[in-house]
Amino acid sequence: MASPVALSLLRRRGLRYASTQTHKASGDISSVFPSLQPGYKPKPLAPRFAELKKGIFEQNGAALTRSYDRLLQSKRV
């Protein structure tokens, strides 16, 4: 079992942590998805991601095109 001093420290830290929590409005999904907050501006991705995407399309272009065509066909109901 923890000593009384350790328990006291844990309680104080817990209270401090709880008191610094920000209040979130009930039912406000923007607290989970920052992109839904007003004024949100995404940070651009590093150039290496463009190179990765280009490489994926160069190596798998035909398969990606066929997959996308199947997706479009499945949505035409």
N, C-alpha and C. Protein backbone atom coordinates (compact mmCIF):
# COMPACT_ATOMS: atom_id res chain seq x y z
N MET A 1 0.85 -1.18 0.00
CA MET A 1 0.00 0.00 0.00
C MET A 1 0.89 1.23 0.00
N ALA A 2 0.44 2.29 -0.67
CA ALA A 2 1.22 3.53 -0.77
C ALA A 2 1.23 4.26 0.56
N SER A 3 2.32 4.97 0.79
CA SER A 3 2.44 5.73 2.04
C SER A 3 1.50 6.93 2.03
N PRO A 4 1.16 7.46 3.20
CA PRO A 4 0.29 8.64 3.26
C PRO A 4 0.86 9.83 2.49
N VAL A 5 2.18 9.98 2.50
CA VAL A 5 2.80 11.09 1.77
C VAL A 5 2.60 10.90 0.27
N ALA A 6 2.81 9.68 -0.21
CA ALA A 6 2.63 9.40 -1.64
C ALA A 6 1.18 9.62 -2.05
N LEU A 7 0.25 9.17 -1.22
CA LEU A 7 -1.17 9.37 -1.53
C LEU A 7 -1.51 10.86 -1.57
N SER A 8 -0.94 11.62 -0.65
CA SER A 8 -1.19 13.05 -0.62
C SER A 8 -0.68 13.72 -1.90
N LEU A 9 0.51 13.32 -2.34
CA LEU A 9 1.06 13.87 -3.59
C LEU A 9 0.20 13.51 -4.79
N LEU A 10 -0.23 12.26 -4.84
CA LEU A 10 -1.09 11.82 -5.94
C LEU A 10 -2.40 12.59 -5.96
N ARG A 11 -2.97 12.80 -4.79
CA ARG A 11 -4.24 13.54 -4.73
C ARG A 11 -4.05 14.97 -5.22
N ARG A 12 -2.97 15.62 -4.78
CA ARG A 12 -2.73 17.00 -5.20
C ARG A 12 -2.48 17.08 -6.70
N ARG A 13 -1.72 16.14 -7.22
CA ARG A 13 -1.48 16.14 -8.67
C ARG A 13 -2.77 15.88 -9.43
N GLY A 14 -3.58 14.98 -8.93
CA GLY A 14 -4.86 14.70 -9.57
C GLY A 14 -5.76 15.91 -9.56
N LEU A 15 -5.79 16.62 -8.45
CA LEU A 15 -6.60 17.83 -8.37
C LEU A 15 -6.08 18.89 -9.31
N ARG A 16 -4.77 19.03 -9.39
CA ARG A 16 -4.19 20.02 -10.28
C ARG A 16 -4.52 19.68 -11.72
N TYR A 17 -4.41 18.39 -12.06
CA TYR A 17 -4.71 17.96 -13.42
C TYR A 17 -6.18 18.20 -13.74
N ALA A 18 -7.04 17.83 -12.83
CA ALA A 18 -8.47 18.00 -13.06
C ALA A 18 -8.83 19.47 -13.21
N SER A 19 -8.15 20.34 -12.48
CA SER A 19 -8.50 21.76 -12.54
C SER A 19 -8.00 22.42 -13.82
N THR A 20 -7.05 21.79 -14.52
CA THR A 20 -6.55 22.38 -15.76
C THR A 20 -7.26 21.84 -16.99
N GLN A 21 -8.18 20.93 -16.81
CA GLN A 21 -8.94 20.40 -17.93
C GLN A 21 -9.79 21.51 -18.54
N THR A 22 -9.85 21.55 -19.87
CA THR A 22 -10.71 22.54 -20.51
C THR A 22 -12.13 22.01 -20.55
N HIS A 23 -13.07 22.90 -20.46
CA HIS A 23 -14.48 22.52 -20.50
C HIS A 23 -14.88 22.33 -21.95
N LYS A 24 -15.51 21.22 -22.24
CA LYS A 24 -15.98 20.94 -23.59
C LYS A 24 -17.50 20.94 -23.59
N ALA A 25 -18.04 21.61 -24.58
CA ALA A 25 -19.49 21.68 -24.68
C ALA A 25 -20.05 20.29 -25.00
N SER A 26 -21.13 19.96 -24.38
CA SER A 26 -21.77 18.68 -24.62
C SER A 26 -22.28 18.62 -26.05
N GLY A 27 -21.96 17.55 -26.74
CA GLY A 27 -22.45 17.36 -28.10
C GLY A 27 -21.69 18.15 -29.15
N ASP A 28 -20.57 18.77 -28.80
CA ASP A 28 -19.80 19.56 -29.76
C ASP A 28 -18.71 18.68 -30.37
N ILE A 29 -18.93 18.21 -31.57
CA ILE A 29 -18.00 17.28 -32.21
C ILE A 29 -16.70 17.96 -32.61
N SER A 30 -16.69 19.29 -32.70
CA SER A 30 -15.47 19.99 -33.10
C SER A 30 -14.38 19.85 -32.05
N SER A 31 -14.73 19.47 -30.83
CA SER A 31 -13.70 19.25 -29.82
C SER A 31 -12.89 17.99 -30.13
N VAL A 32 -13.44 17.10 -30.92
CA VAL A 32 -12.75 15.87 -31.30
C VAL A 32 -12.09 16.02 -32.67
N PHE A 33 -12.71 16.79 -33.55
CA PHE A 33 -12.20 17.00 -34.91
C PHE A 33 -11.87 18.48 -35.09
N PRO A 34 -10.62 18.86 -34.89
CA PRO A 34 -10.25 20.28 -35.01
C PRO A 34 -10.60 20.89 -36.36
N SER A 35 -10.64 20.07 -37.41
CA SER A 35 -10.96 20.61 -38.74
C SER A 35 -12.38 21.16 -38.81
N LEU A 36 -13.22 20.84 -37.84
CA LEU A 36 -14.59 21.36 -37.82
C LEU A 36 -14.70 22.67 -37.04
N GLN A 37 -13.61 23.11 -36.44
CA GLN A 37 -13.65 24.35 -35.67
C GLN A 37 -13.58 25.54 -36.61
N PRO A 38 -14.30 26.62 -36.27
CA PRO A 38 -14.26 27.82 -37.11
C PRO A 38 -12.83 28.36 -37.20
N GLY A 39 -12.44 28.77 -38.37
CA GLY A 39 -11.11 29.34 -38.56
C GLY A 39 -9.98 28.34 -38.66
N TYR A 40 -10.30 27.06 -38.74
CA TYR A 40 -9.26 26.03 -38.83
C TYR A 40 -8.52 26.16 -40.15
N LYS A 41 -7.21 26.16 -40.08
CA LYS A 41 -6.38 26.18 -41.28
C LYS A 41 -5.39 25.02 -41.19
N PRO A 42 -5.52 24.02 -42.06
CA PRO A 42 -4.62 22.87 -41.98
C PRO A 42 -3.19 23.27 -42.34
N LYS A 43 -2.25 22.59 -41.71
CA LYS A 43 -0.84 22.81 -42.04
C LYS A 43 -0.52 21.99 -43.28
N PRO A 44 0.21 22.56 -44.22
CA PRO A 44 0.57 21.78 -45.41
C PRO A 44 1.49 20.61 -45.04
N LEU A 45 1.32 19.52 -45.76
CA LEU A 45 2.17 18.36 -45.53
C LEU A 45 3.57 18.61 -46.09
N ALA A 46 4.52 17.91 -45.56
CA ALA A 46 5.90 18.02 -46.03
C ALA A 46 5.98 17.51 -47.47
N PRO A 47 6.89 18.05 -48.28
CA PRO A 47 7.02 17.63 -49.68
C PRO A 47 7.25 16.13 -49.85
N ARG A 48 7.81 15.47 -48.85
CA ARG A 48 8.07 14.03 -48.99
C ARG A 48 6.77 13.24 -49.18
N PHE A 49 5.65 13.77 -48.67
CA PHE A 49 4.39 13.06 -48.84
C PHE A 49 3.91 13.11 -50.29
N ALA A 50 4.19 14.21 -50.97
CA ALA A 50 3.85 14.30 -52.40
C ALA A 50 4.66 13.28 -53.19
N GLU A 51 5.92 13.11 -52.81
CA GLU A 51 6.77 12.12 -53.48
C GLU A 51 6.27 10.70 -53.21
N LEU A 52 5.85 10.44 -51.98
CA LEU A 52 5.30 9.11 -51.66
C LEU A 52 4.05 8.82 -52.48
N LYS A 53 3.17 9.80 -52.55
CA LYS A 53 1.92 9.64 -53.31
C LYS A 53 2.23 9.39 -54.79
N LYS A 54 3.15 10.17 -55.32
CA LYS A 54 3.54 10.01 -56.72
C LYS A 54 4.08 8.61 -56.97
N GLY A 55 4.93 8.12 -56.07
CA GLY A 55 5.49 6.78 -56.21
C GLY A 55 4.43 5.70 -56.16
N ILE A 56 3.46 5.86 -55.28
CA ILE A 56 2.38 4.87 -55.17
C ILE A 56 1.58 4.82 -56.47
N PHE A 57 1.27 6.00 -57.02
CA PHE A 57 0.49 6.02 -58.25
C PHE A 57 1.29 5.50 -59.44
N GLU A 58 2.59 5.79 -59.46
CA GLU A 58 3.41 5.28 -60.56
C GLU A 58 3.50 3.76 -60.53
N GLN A 59 3.62 3.18 -59.34
CA GLN A 59 3.77 1.73 -59.22
C GLN A 59 2.45 0.99 -59.31
N ASN A 60 1.35 1.63 -58.92
CA ASN A 60 0.07 0.92 -58.81
C ASN A 60 -1.06 1.63 -59.55
N GLY A 61 -0.72 2.44 -60.52
CA GLY A 61 -1.73 3.25 -61.20
C GLY A 61 -2.89 2.46 -61.78
N ALA A 62 -2.59 1.39 -62.48
CA ALA A 62 -3.65 0.60 -63.12
C ALA A 62 -4.56 -0.03 -62.08
N ALA A 63 -3.98 -0.58 -61.03
CA ALA A 63 -4.79 -1.21 -59.98
C ALA A 63 -5.64 -0.16 -59.26
N LEU A 64 -5.09 1.01 -59.02
CA LEU A 64 -5.86 2.07 -58.36
C LEU A 64 -7.01 2.53 -59.23
N THR A 65 -6.77 2.65 -60.53
CA THR A 65 -7.82 3.06 -61.45
C THR A 65 -8.94 2.02 -61.49
N ARG A 66 -8.58 0.75 -61.58
CA ARG A 66 -9.60 -0.31 -61.59
C ARG A 66 -10.40 -0.31 -60.29
N SER A 67 -9.71 -0.13 -59.18
CA SER A 67 -10.38 -0.11 -57.88
C SER A 67 -11.35 1.06 -57.79
N TYR A 68 -10.92 2.22 -58.27
CA TYR A 68 -11.79 3.40 -58.24
C TYR A 68 -13.00 3.20 -59.15
N ASP A 69 -12.79 2.59 -60.31
CA ASP A 69 -13.91 2.31 -61.21
C ASP A 69 -14.91 1.37 -60.55
N ARG A 70 -14.42 0.35 -59.83
CA ARG A 70 -15.33 -0.56 -59.11
C ARG A 70 -16.10 0.19 -58.04
N LEU A 71 -15.43 1.09 -57.35
CA LEU A 71 -16.11 1.88 -56.33
C LEU A 71 -17.23 2.71 -56.95
N LEU A 72 -16.94 3.38 -58.04
CA LEU A 72 -17.96 4.19 -58.70
C LEU A 72 -19.14 3.33 -59.16
N GLN A 73 -18.84 2.15 -59.71
CA GLN A 73 -19.91 1.25 -60.15
C GLN A 73 -20.77 0.80 -58.97
N SER A 74 -20.16 0.55 -57.84
CA SER A 74 -20.93 0.10 -56.67
C SER A 74 -21.82 1.20 -56.12
N LYS A 75 -21.48 2.45 -56.40
CA LYS A 75 -22.28 3.57 -55.90
C LYS A 75 -23.41 3.95 -56.84
N ARG A 76 -23.38 3.43 -58.04
CA ARG A 76 -24.46 3.68 -59.01
C ARG A 76 -25.55 2.65 -58.81
N VAL A 77 -26.49 2.97 -58.00
CA VAL A 77 -27.56 2.02 -57.69
C VAL A 77 -28.86 2.52 -58.27
